[in-house]
Amino acid sequence: MSQDTNKYSPSFAFSLSMKALLHTSAVASFLAIDGNRSLFASRPIKAGQVIDVLPLVSVQDKPTRFTVQTGAEQHIDIGEMWACGNHSCSPSILFDTTRMLVTATRDIKEGEELTFFYPSTEWDMAEPFLCHCGADGCLQHISGARYLQTPVLMRYFLNEHILAMVSARDAQDMESLAMHEGEELGR
């Protein structure tokens, strides 16, 4: 393994065999011996900087582990490299599915892992999981925006389709609450 490959891998993985998969001017993708893939900054990136265009390889009607939701019932395959993007409750990048851009949420150091907040694009995930990102306020169980309360979601960048679904859910919840209170008063 070359030293160049090592400089982008996480410190805990230095003992693992890492293989560079893809590399762009700002992003390097690596595969660890255990089969997990990750993305790392290959140079410093400033907050708000556009890192890449979010690729659209194909359109799907159902979510998979490797798609990103772009509409109420539309999911896209974003290609091999960006599909390596891992989740964090303190993300360093965002996938803006309206403008189809990958953008830095904050200043990112060279060698830092590039992560995004999965519920920012996903309403109901194909493969929910327990998060071990270690961020302050880690949400722990990640299943999609549908399963998170609105005040929690509002701490994050959310794509337009997720905002619309949250609004619809909240309106339905308010309607149900009003109906329930009306029934209680009628007793």
N, C-alpha and C. Protein backbone atom coordinates (compact mmCIF):
# COMPACT_ATOMS: atom_id res chain seq x y z
N MET A 1 0.86 -1.17 0.00
CA MET A 1 0.00 0.00 0.00
C MET A 1 0.90 1.22 0.00
N SER A 2 0.58 2.15 -0.89
CA SER A 2 1.42 3.34 -0.98
C SER A 2 1.10 4.32 0.14
N GLN A 3 2.07 5.14 0.46
CA GLN A 3 1.87 6.14 1.49
C GLN A 3 0.81 7.14 1.04
N ASP A 4 0.73 7.41 -0.26
CA ASP A 4 -0.28 8.31 -0.80
C ASP A 4 -1.68 7.82 -0.48
N THR A 5 -1.92 6.53 -0.58
CA THR A 5 -3.21 5.95 -0.26
C THR A 5 -3.51 6.12 1.22
N ASN A 6 -2.52 5.92 2.07
CA ASN A 6 -2.72 6.02 3.52
C ASN A 6 -3.14 7.39 3.99
N LYS A 7 -2.67 8.45 3.35
CA LYS A 7 -2.92 9.78 3.90
C LYS A 7 -4.41 10.15 3.90
N TYR A 8 -5.26 9.46 3.14
CA TYR A 8 -6.68 9.76 3.12
C TYR A 8 -7.49 8.77 3.94
N SER A 9 -6.88 7.71 4.41
CA SER A 9 -7.64 6.72 5.16
C SER A 9 -7.75 7.14 6.62
N PRO A 10 -8.82 6.73 7.30
CA PRO A 10 -8.99 7.12 8.70
C PRO A 10 -7.91 6.50 9.56
N SER A 11 -7.57 7.19 10.64
CA SER A 11 -6.48 6.73 11.50
C SER A 11 -6.74 5.33 12.06
N PHE A 12 -8.00 5.00 12.37
CA PHE A 12 -8.29 3.68 12.92
C PHE A 12 -8.10 2.57 11.90
N ALA A 13 -8.01 2.93 10.63
CA ALA A 13 -7.90 1.91 9.59
C ALA A 13 -6.48 1.75 9.06
N PHE A 14 -5.51 2.46 9.64
CA PHE A 14 -4.15 2.34 9.13
C PHE A 14 -3.67 0.89 9.13
N SER A 15 -4.16 0.09 10.08
CA SER A 15 -3.73 -1.30 10.13
C SER A 15 -4.46 -2.15 9.09
N LEU A 16 -5.55 -1.64 8.54
CA LEU A 16 -6.29 -2.39 7.52
C LEU A 16 -5.67 -2.14 6.16
N SER A 17 -5.80 -3.11 5.31
CA SER A 17 -5.37 -2.91 3.95
C SER A 17 -6.40 -2.03 3.26
N MET A 18 -5.98 -0.89 2.75
CA MET A 18 -6.89 0.04 2.09
C MET A 18 -6.51 0.08 0.61
N LYS A 19 -7.52 0.07 -0.23
CA LYS A 19 -7.30 0.13 -1.67
C LYS A 19 -8.04 1.33 -2.22
N ALA A 20 -7.33 2.21 -2.89
CA ALA A 20 -7.98 3.37 -3.51
C ALA A 20 -8.86 2.88 -4.64
N LEU A 21 -10.12 3.29 -4.62
CA LEU A 21 -11.05 2.90 -5.68
C LEU A 21 -11.13 3.98 -6.75
N LEU A 22 -11.44 5.19 -6.32
CA LEU A 22 -11.63 6.29 -7.25
C LEU A 22 -10.98 7.52 -6.66
N HIS A 23 -10.63 8.46 -7.51
CA HIS A 23 -10.01 9.68 -7.00
C HIS A 23 -10.38 10.83 -7.94
N THR A 24 -10.89 11.92 -7.40
CA THR A 24 -11.10 13.14 -8.17
C THR A 24 -10.21 14.19 -7.53
N SER A 25 -10.29 15.41 -8.00
CA SER A 25 -9.43 16.44 -7.44
C SER A 25 -9.75 16.71 -5.97
N ALA A 26 -10.98 16.49 -5.51
CA ALA A 26 -11.35 16.80 -4.13
C ALA A 26 -11.69 15.57 -3.29
N VAL A 27 -11.89 14.43 -3.94
CA VAL A 27 -12.41 13.25 -3.23
C VAL A 27 -11.63 12.00 -3.59
N ALA A 28 -11.34 11.20 -2.57
CA ALA A 28 -10.73 9.89 -2.77
C ALA A 28 -11.65 8.86 -2.13
N SER A 29 -11.85 7.73 -2.78
CA SER A 29 -12.70 6.67 -2.27
C SER A 29 -11.83 5.46 -1.97
N PHE A 30 -12.08 4.82 -0.81
CA PHE A 30 -11.27 3.70 -0.39
C PHE A 30 -12.10 2.51 0.01
N LEU A 31 -11.54 1.34 -0.20
CA LEU A 31 -12.16 0.08 0.20
C LEU A 31 -11.26 -0.56 1.25
N ALA A 32 -11.83 -0.84 2.42
CA ALA A 32 -11.09 -1.52 3.48
C ALA A 32 -11.18 -3.02 3.27
N ILE A 33 -10.31 -3.76 3.91
CA ILE A 33 -10.27 -5.21 3.77
C ILE A 33 -11.59 -5.86 4.19
N ASP A 34 -12.35 -5.19 5.09
CA ASP A 34 -13.64 -5.74 5.53
C ASP A 34 -14.76 -5.44 4.54
N GLY A 35 -14.46 -4.78 3.43
CA GLY A 35 -15.45 -4.52 2.40
C GLY A 35 -16.17 -3.19 2.52
N ASN A 36 -15.96 -2.45 3.60
CA ASN A 36 -16.60 -1.14 3.76
C ASN A 36 -15.88 -0.11 2.91
N ARG A 37 -16.67 0.77 2.31
CA ARG A 37 -16.11 1.83 1.47
C ARG A 37 -16.37 3.17 2.14
N SER A 38 -15.49 4.12 1.93
CA SER A 38 -15.61 5.45 2.50
C SER A 38 -15.02 6.47 1.54
N LEU A 39 -15.44 7.74 1.73
CA LEU A 39 -14.91 8.85 0.95
C LEU A 39 -14.13 9.78 1.86
N PHE A 40 -13.05 10.33 1.34
CA PHE A 40 -12.21 11.25 2.10
C PHE A 40 -11.84 12.45 1.24
N ALA A 41 -11.64 13.59 1.88
CA ALA A 41 -11.22 14.79 1.18
C ALA A 41 -9.75 14.64 0.78
N SER A 42 -9.45 14.82 -0.48
CA SER A 42 -8.07 14.71 -0.95
C SER A 42 -7.37 16.07 -0.91
N ARG A 43 -8.10 17.10 -0.48
CA ARG A 43 -7.54 18.44 -0.27
C ARG A 43 -8.50 19.18 0.65
N PRO A 44 -8.07 20.30 1.23
CA PRO A 44 -9.00 21.08 2.07
C PRO A 44 -10.17 21.61 1.22
N ILE A 45 -11.35 21.66 1.83
CA ILE A 45 -12.56 22.13 1.15
C ILE A 45 -13.22 23.15 2.08
N LYS A 46 -13.63 24.28 1.53
CA LYS A 46 -14.26 25.35 2.30
C LYS A 46 -15.75 25.11 2.45
N ALA A 47 -16.32 25.58 3.56
CA ALA A 47 -17.76 25.51 3.80
C ALA A 47 -18.51 26.16 2.65
N GLY A 48 -19.55 25.50 2.17
CA GLY A 48 -20.35 26.03 1.07
C GLY A 48 -19.81 25.74 -0.31
N GLN A 49 -18.60 25.23 -0.39
CA GLN A 49 -17.98 24.96 -1.69
C GLN A 49 -18.67 23.79 -2.37
N VAL A 50 -18.94 23.94 -3.66
CA VAL A 50 -19.48 22.83 -4.46
C VAL A 50 -18.31 21.89 -4.74
N ILE A 51 -18.50 20.63 -4.37
CA ILE A 51 -17.45 19.63 -4.53
C ILE A 51 -17.60 18.90 -5.86
N ASP A 52 -18.84 18.65 -6.25
CA ASP A 52 -19.08 17.86 -7.46
C ASP A 52 -20.53 18.02 -7.88
N VAL A 53 -20.80 17.62 -9.10
CA VAL A 53 -22.18 17.48 -9.58
C VAL A 53 -22.63 16.10 -9.13
N LEU A 54 -23.84 16.00 -8.57
CA LEU A 54 -24.37 14.71 -8.15
C LEU A 54 -24.77 13.94 -9.40
N PRO A 55 -24.08 12.84 -9.69
CA PRO A 55 -24.37 12.12 -10.94
C PRO A 55 -25.72 11.42 -10.91
N LEU A 56 -26.31 11.28 -12.07
CA LEU A 56 -27.56 10.54 -12.22
C LEU A 56 -27.28 9.41 -13.20
N VAL A 57 -27.04 8.22 -12.67
CA VAL A 57 -26.73 7.06 -13.51
C VAL A 57 -28.01 6.43 -14.03
N SER A 58 -29.02 6.29 -13.14
CA SER A 58 -30.31 5.75 -13.53
C SER A 58 -31.36 6.18 -12.52
N VAL A 59 -32.63 6.09 -12.92
CA VAL A 59 -33.76 6.45 -12.06
C VAL A 59 -34.45 5.17 -11.62
N GLN A 60 -34.79 5.10 -10.34
CA GLN A 60 -35.45 3.93 -9.77
C GLN A 60 -36.76 4.37 -9.12
N ASP A 61 -37.71 3.43 -8.94
CA ASP A 61 -38.95 3.78 -8.25
C ASP A 61 -38.96 3.32 -6.80
N LYS A 62 -37.93 2.58 -6.40
CA LYS A 62 -37.81 2.11 -5.01
C LYS A 62 -36.40 2.36 -4.51
N PRO A 63 -36.29 2.60 -3.20
CA PRO A 63 -34.94 2.83 -2.65
C PRO A 63 -34.14 1.54 -2.57
N THR A 64 -32.84 1.70 -2.71
CA THR A 64 -31.91 0.61 -2.43
C THR A 64 -30.84 1.21 -1.52
N ARG A 65 -29.94 0.37 -1.11
CA ARG A 65 -28.84 0.84 -0.26
C ARG A 65 -27.97 1.88 -0.97
N PHE A 66 -27.98 1.85 -2.29
CA PHE A 66 -27.06 2.69 -3.06
C PHE A 66 -27.75 3.79 -3.86
N THR A 67 -29.04 4.05 -3.61
CA THR A 67 -29.72 5.14 -4.29
C THR A 67 -29.91 6.32 -3.36
N VAL A 68 -30.24 7.46 -3.94
CA VAL A 68 -30.58 8.66 -3.20
C VAL A 68 -31.97 9.08 -3.67
N GLN A 69 -32.84 9.39 -2.71
CA GLN A 69 -34.19 9.80 -3.05
C GLN A 69 -34.19 11.24 -3.53
N THR A 70 -34.89 11.49 -4.65
CA THR A 70 -34.95 12.84 -5.22
C THR A 70 -36.37 13.36 -5.34
N GLY A 71 -37.35 12.54 -5.02
CA GLY A 71 -38.75 12.92 -5.08
C GLY A 71 -39.55 11.95 -4.24
N ALA A 72 -40.85 12.20 -4.12
CA ALA A 72 -41.69 11.36 -3.26
C ALA A 72 -41.55 9.87 -3.61
N GLU A 73 -41.48 9.56 -4.89
CA GLU A 73 -41.35 8.16 -5.31
C GLU A 73 -40.26 7.99 -6.36
N GLN A 74 -39.23 8.81 -6.27
CA GLN A 74 -38.13 8.72 -7.23
C GLN A 74 -36.81 8.62 -6.50
N HIS A 75 -35.99 7.68 -6.93
CA HIS A 75 -34.67 7.44 -6.35
C HIS A 75 -33.70 7.33 -7.52
N ILE A 76 -32.48 7.81 -7.30
CA ILE A 76 -31.50 7.74 -8.38
C ILE A 76 -30.25 7.00 -7.92
N ASP A 77 -29.67 6.32 -8.87
CA ASP A 77 -28.35 5.71 -8.68
C ASP A 77 -27.37 6.84 -8.93
N ILE A 78 -26.51 7.12 -7.93
CA ILE A 78 -25.59 8.26 -8.03
C ILE A 78 -24.16 7.84 -8.39
N GLY A 79 -24.01 6.63 -8.83
CA GLY A 79 -22.70 6.20 -9.27
C GLY A 79 -21.85 5.60 -8.16
N GLU A 80 -20.81 4.91 -8.59
CA GLU A 80 -19.97 4.15 -7.67
C GLU A 80 -19.30 5.01 -6.60
N MET A 81 -18.75 6.16 -6.98
CA MET A 81 -18.02 6.94 -6.00
C MET A 81 -18.93 7.50 -4.91
N TRP A 82 -19.97 8.26 -5.27
CA TRP A 82 -20.81 8.91 -4.26
C TRP A 82 -21.63 7.91 -3.47
N ALA A 83 -21.85 6.72 -4.00
CA ALA A 83 -22.54 5.67 -3.24
C ALA A 83 -21.69 5.21 -2.05
N CYS A 84 -20.41 5.58 -2.02
CA CYS A 84 -19.53 5.26 -0.89
C CYS A 84 -19.72 6.23 0.27
N GLY A 85 -20.52 7.27 0.08
CA GLY A 85 -20.72 8.27 1.13
C GLY A 85 -21.42 7.68 2.34
N ASN A 86 -20.77 7.73 3.47
CA ASN A 86 -21.36 7.20 4.71
C ASN A 86 -22.18 8.26 5.42
N HIS A 87 -23.03 7.80 6.33
CA HIS A 87 -23.89 8.68 7.12
C HIS A 87 -23.14 9.23 8.33
N SER A 88 -23.52 10.43 8.74
CA SER A 88 -23.11 10.98 10.03
C SER A 88 -24.22 11.91 10.51
N CYS A 89 -24.40 11.95 11.83
CA CYS A 89 -25.34 12.90 12.44
C CYS A 89 -24.70 14.28 12.55
N SER A 90 -23.44 14.40 12.15
CA SER A 90 -22.73 15.67 12.04
C SER A 90 -22.03 15.66 10.68
N PRO A 91 -22.81 15.82 9.60
CA PRO A 91 -22.28 15.62 8.25
C PRO A 91 -21.31 16.71 7.80
N SER A 92 -20.40 16.31 6.91
CA SER A 92 -19.46 17.27 6.33
C SER A 92 -19.90 17.73 4.94
N ILE A 93 -20.79 16.97 4.31
CA ILE A 93 -21.28 17.33 2.97
C ILE A 93 -22.79 17.17 2.94
N LEU A 94 -23.39 17.73 1.90
CA LEU A 94 -24.81 17.50 1.65
C LEU A 94 -25.00 17.19 0.19
N PHE A 95 -26.04 16.40 -0.07
CA PHE A 95 -26.46 16.11 -1.43
C PHE A 95 -27.69 16.98 -1.69
N ASP A 96 -27.54 17.99 -2.52
CA ASP A 96 -28.65 18.87 -2.88
C ASP A 96 -29.28 18.28 -4.13
N THR A 97 -30.43 17.61 -3.96
CA THR A 97 -31.06 16.91 -5.08
C THR A 97 -31.88 17.83 -5.97
N THR A 98 -32.07 19.08 -5.56
CA THR A 98 -32.75 20.05 -6.41
C THR A 98 -31.77 20.60 -7.45
N ARG A 99 -30.60 21.00 -6.97
CA ARG A 99 -29.57 21.54 -7.86
C ARG A 99 -28.62 20.45 -8.38
N MET A 100 -28.75 19.22 -7.83
CA MET A 100 -27.90 18.08 -8.19
C MET A 100 -26.43 18.40 -7.97
N LEU A 101 -26.14 18.88 -6.73
CA LEU A 101 -24.77 19.23 -6.36
C LEU A 101 -24.39 18.58 -5.03
N VAL A 102 -23.10 18.31 -4.87
CA VAL A 102 -22.54 17.88 -3.60
C VAL A 102 -21.78 19.09 -3.06
N THR A 103 -22.13 19.51 -1.82
CA THR A 103 -21.59 20.74 -1.25
C THR A 103 -21.06 20.49 0.15
N ALA A 104 -20.03 21.20 0.53
CA ALA A 104 -19.47 21.09 1.88
C ALA A 104 -20.36 21.84 2.86
N THR A 105 -20.70 21.22 4.00
CA THR A 105 -21.52 21.86 5.02
C THR A 105 -20.68 22.72 5.95
N ARG A 106 -19.38 22.50 5.95
CA ARG A 106 -18.45 23.20 6.83
C ARG A 106 -17.06 23.07 6.24
N ASP A 107 -16.07 23.74 6.81
CA ASP A 107 -14.70 23.55 6.34
C ASP A 107 -14.30 22.09 6.60
N ILE A 108 -13.66 21.50 5.61
CA ILE A 108 -13.24 20.09 5.69
C ILE A 108 -11.74 20.04 5.48
N LYS A 109 -11.07 19.32 6.36
CA LYS A 109 -9.61 19.18 6.26
C LYS A 109 -9.25 18.06 5.30
N GLU A 110 -8.07 18.18 4.70
CA GLU A 110 -7.55 17.10 3.87
C GLU A 110 -7.50 15.83 4.72
N GLY A 111 -7.98 14.73 4.15
CA GLY A 111 -7.96 13.44 4.85
C GLY A 111 -9.19 13.17 5.69
N GLU A 112 -10.07 14.16 5.86
CA GLU A 112 -11.29 13.97 6.67
C GLU A 112 -12.33 13.19 5.87
N GLU A 113 -13.05 12.30 6.56
CA GLU A 113 -14.09 11.53 5.88
C GLU A 113 -15.23 12.45 5.47
N LEU A 114 -15.76 12.20 4.27
CA LEU A 114 -16.90 12.94 3.75
C LEU A 114 -18.16 12.14 4.06
N THR A 115 -19.05 12.74 4.84
CA THR A 115 -20.27 12.05 5.27
C THR A 115 -21.47 12.96 5.05
N PHE A 116 -22.65 12.34 4.86
CA PHE A 116 -23.86 13.16 4.76
C PHE A 116 -24.95 12.58 5.64
N PHE A 117 -25.96 13.37 5.90
CA PHE A 117 -27.08 13.00 6.77
C PHE A 117 -28.13 12.30 5.91
N TYR A 118 -28.22 10.97 6.01
CA TYR A 118 -29.10 10.20 5.13
C TYR A 118 -30.55 10.69 5.13
N PRO A 119 -31.15 11.04 6.29
CA PRO A 119 -32.54 11.50 6.23
C PRO A 119 -32.72 12.82 5.46
N SER A 120 -31.65 13.49 5.08
CA SER A 120 -31.79 14.71 4.28
C SER A 120 -32.30 14.40 2.88
N THR A 121 -32.14 13.15 2.46
CA THR A 121 -32.63 12.72 1.14
C THR A 121 -33.63 11.57 1.25
N GLU A 122 -33.59 10.81 2.33
CA GLU A 122 -34.38 9.57 2.42
C GLU A 122 -35.56 9.69 3.37
N TRP A 123 -36.77 9.41 2.89
CA TRP A 123 -37.97 9.42 3.71
C TRP A 123 -38.10 8.11 4.47
N ASP A 124 -37.95 7.00 3.79
CA ASP A 124 -38.10 5.67 4.38
C ASP A 124 -37.01 4.78 3.77
N MET A 125 -35.96 4.52 4.51
CA MET A 125 -34.78 3.86 3.95
C MET A 125 -34.98 2.37 3.69
N ALA A 126 -34.32 1.88 2.67
CA ALA A 126 -34.37 0.47 2.31
C ALA A 126 -33.69 -0.39 3.37
N GLU A 127 -32.63 0.13 3.97
CA GLU A 127 -31.87 -0.63 4.97
C GLU A 127 -31.54 0.25 6.18
N PRO A 128 -32.48 0.35 7.13
CA PRO A 128 -32.20 1.12 8.36
C PRO A 128 -31.01 0.51 9.10
N PHE A 129 -30.38 1.31 9.96
CA PHE A 129 -29.20 0.82 10.68
C PHE A 129 -29.01 1.59 11.97
N LEU A 130 -28.18 1.05 12.84
CA LEU A 130 -27.78 1.74 14.06
C LEU A 130 -26.55 2.56 13.75
N CYS A 131 -26.62 3.85 14.04
CA CYS A 131 -25.52 4.76 13.75
C CYS A 131 -24.51 4.73 14.89
N HIS A 132 -23.26 4.72 14.52
CA HIS A 132 -22.15 4.76 15.48
C HIS A 132 -21.20 5.90 15.10
N CYS A 133 -21.77 7.03 14.63
CA CYS A 133 -20.92 8.12 14.14
C CYS A 133 -20.17 8.83 15.27
N GLY A 134 -20.68 8.73 16.48
CA GLY A 134 -20.00 9.35 17.62
C GLY A 134 -20.22 10.85 17.75
N ALA A 135 -21.07 11.43 16.91
CA ALA A 135 -21.33 12.86 16.99
C ALA A 135 -22.12 13.19 18.26
N ASP A 136 -21.91 14.39 18.79
CA ASP A 136 -22.76 14.84 19.89
C ASP A 136 -24.19 14.83 19.39
N GLY A 137 -25.09 14.24 20.15
CA GLY A 137 -26.49 14.17 19.74
C GLY A 137 -26.75 13.16 18.64
N CYS A 138 -25.90 12.15 18.52
CA CYS A 138 -26.10 11.10 17.52
C CYS A 138 -27.53 10.55 17.67
N LEU A 139 -28.22 10.40 16.57
CA LEU A 139 -29.61 9.94 16.58
C LEU A 139 -29.74 8.43 16.76
N GLN A 140 -28.68 7.71 16.60
CA GLN A 140 -28.55 6.27 16.83
C GLN A 140 -29.30 5.40 15.83
N HIS A 141 -30.61 5.46 15.74
CA HIS A 141 -31.33 4.61 14.79
C HIS A 141 -31.72 5.44 13.57
N ILE A 142 -31.15 5.07 12.43
CA ILE A 142 -31.38 5.83 11.20
C ILE A 142 -32.26 4.99 10.26
N SER A 143 -33.48 5.49 10.05
CA SER A 143 -34.45 4.79 9.20
C SER A 143 -35.00 5.67 8.09
N GLY A 144 -34.72 6.96 8.17
CA GLY A 144 -35.25 7.92 7.22
C GLY A 144 -35.96 9.05 7.95
N ALA A 145 -36.24 10.13 7.23
CA ALA A 145 -36.85 11.32 7.83
C ALA A 145 -38.24 11.03 8.40
N ARG A 146 -38.93 10.10 7.82
CA ARG A 146 -40.29 9.75 8.28
C ARG A 146 -40.33 9.44 9.77
N TYR A 147 -39.27 8.89 10.30
CA TYR A 147 -39.24 8.40 11.67
C TYR A 147 -38.62 9.39 12.66
N LEU A 148 -38.31 10.59 12.20
CA LEU A 148 -37.71 11.60 13.07
C LEU A 148 -38.69 12.74 13.29
N GLN A 149 -38.71 13.27 14.50
CA GLN A 149 -39.59 14.39 14.81
C GLN A 149 -39.11 15.64 14.07
N THR A 150 -40.06 16.49 13.72
CA THR A 150 -39.76 17.69 12.96
C THR A 150 -38.69 18.57 13.62
N PRO A 151 -38.75 18.83 14.94
CA PRO A 151 -37.68 19.67 15.52
C PRO A 151 -36.28 19.08 15.35
N VAL A 152 -36.16 17.78 15.35
CA VAL A 152 -34.86 17.13 15.11
C VAL A 152 -34.44 17.35 13.66
N LEU A 153 -35.34 17.13 12.73
CA LEU A 153 -35.02 17.30 11.31
C LEU A 153 -34.62 18.72 10.97
N MET A 154 -35.23 19.69 11.63
CA MET A 154 -34.97 21.09 11.31
C MET A 154 -33.56 21.54 11.69
N ARG A 155 -32.81 20.71 12.38
CA ARG A 155 -31.41 21.03 12.69
C ARG A 155 -30.51 20.77 11.49
N TYR A 156 -31.05 20.14 10.45
CA TYR A 156 -30.25 19.71 9.30
C TYR A 156 -30.74 20.35 8.01
N PHE A 157 -29.86 20.35 7.00
CA PHE A 157 -30.29 20.66 5.65
C PHE A 157 -31.19 19.52 5.20
N LEU A 158 -32.35 19.86 4.65
CA LEU A 158 -33.27 18.86 4.11
C LEU A 158 -33.60 19.24 2.67
N ASN A 159 -33.65 18.25 1.82
CA ASN A 159 -34.02 18.49 0.43
C ASN A 159 -35.50 18.81 0.33
N GLU A 160 -35.88 19.48 -0.78
CA GLU A 160 -37.26 19.95 -0.95
C GLU A 160 -38.29 18.84 -0.83
N HIS A 161 -38.02 17.67 -1.38
CA HIS A 161 -39.01 16.59 -1.32
C HIS A 161 -39.20 16.11 0.12
N ILE A 162 -38.14 16.13 0.91
CA ILE A 162 -38.25 15.73 2.33
C ILE A 162 -39.03 16.81 3.09
N LEU A 163 -38.74 18.08 2.85
CA LEU A 163 -39.49 19.16 3.49
C LEU A 163 -40.98 19.06 3.18
N ALA A 164 -41.31 18.75 1.93
CA ALA A 164 -42.72 18.62 1.54
C ALA A 164 -43.38 17.45 2.27
N MET A 165 -42.67 16.34 2.39
CA MET A 165 -43.24 15.17 3.08
C MET A 165 -43.38 15.42 4.58
N VAL A 166 -42.43 16.14 5.17
CA VAL A 166 -42.52 16.50 6.59
C VAL A 166 -43.73 17.41 6.80
N SER A 167 -43.92 18.39 5.93
CA SER A 167 -45.08 19.30 6.03
C SER A 167 -46.39 18.54 5.92
N ALA A 168 -46.46 17.62 4.96
CA ALA A 168 -47.68 16.81 4.79
C ALA A 168 -47.94 15.96 6.02
N ARG A 169 -46.89 15.35 6.56
CA ARG A 169 -47.04 14.54 7.77
C ARG A 169 -47.50 15.39 8.94
N ASP A 170 -46.91 16.55 9.13
CA ASP A 170 -47.27 17.42 10.24
C ASP A 170 -48.70 17.92 10.10
N ALA A 171 -49.13 18.23 8.87
CA ALA A 171 -50.50 18.68 8.64
C ALA A 171 -51.48 17.55 8.97
N GLN A 172 -51.15 16.35 8.56
CA GLN A 172 -52.00 15.18 8.86
C GLN A 172 -52.04 14.93 10.37
N ASP A 173 -50.91 15.07 11.04
CA ASP A 173 -50.87 14.90 12.49
C ASP A 173 -51.75 15.94 13.19
N MET A 174 -51.71 17.18 12.71
CA MET A 174 -52.53 18.25 13.30
C MET A 174 -54.01 17.97 13.07
N GLU A 175 -54.34 17.49 11.90
CA GLU A 175 -55.73 17.16 11.58
C GLU A 175 -56.21 16.02 12.47
N SER A 176 -55.39 15.01 12.64
CA SER A 176 -55.75 13.87 13.50
C SER A 176 -55.91 14.32 14.94
N LEU A 177 -55.03 15.20 15.40
CA LEU A 177 -55.11 15.71 16.76
C LEU A 177 -56.39 16.51 16.97
N ALA A 178 -56.73 17.36 16.01
CA ALA A 178 -57.95 18.16 16.09
C ALA A 178 -59.18 17.25 16.10
N MET A 179 -59.17 16.21 15.28
CA MET A 179 -60.29 15.28 15.23
C MET A 179 -60.41 14.55 16.57
N HIS A 180 -59.30 14.13 17.11
CA HIS A 180 -59.29 13.41 18.39
C HIS A 180 -59.80 14.31 19.53
N GLU A 181 -59.34 15.57 19.53
CA GLU A 181 -59.81 16.50 20.55
C GLU A 181 -61.29 16.78 20.40
N GLY A 182 -61.80 16.83 19.18
CA GLY A 182 -63.24 17.02 18.94
C GLY A 182 -64.04 15.86 19.47
N GLU A 183 -63.51 14.65 19.28
CA GLU A 183 -64.17 13.44 19.80
C GLU A 183 -64.19 13.46 21.32
N GLU A 184 -63.10 13.90 21.93
CA GLU A 184 -63.02 13.97 23.39
C GLU A 184 -64.04 14.97 23.94
N LEU A 185 -64.21 16.12 23.26
CA LEU A 185 -65.15 17.12 23.70
C LEU A 185 -66.60 16.66 23.56
N GLY A 186 -66.84 15.81 22.54
CA GLY A 186 -68.18 15.31 22.28
C GLY A 186 -68.64 14.23 23.24
N ARG A 187 -67.78 13.72 24.06
CA ARG A 187 -68.15 12.63 24.99
C ARG A 187 -68.88 13.13 26.17
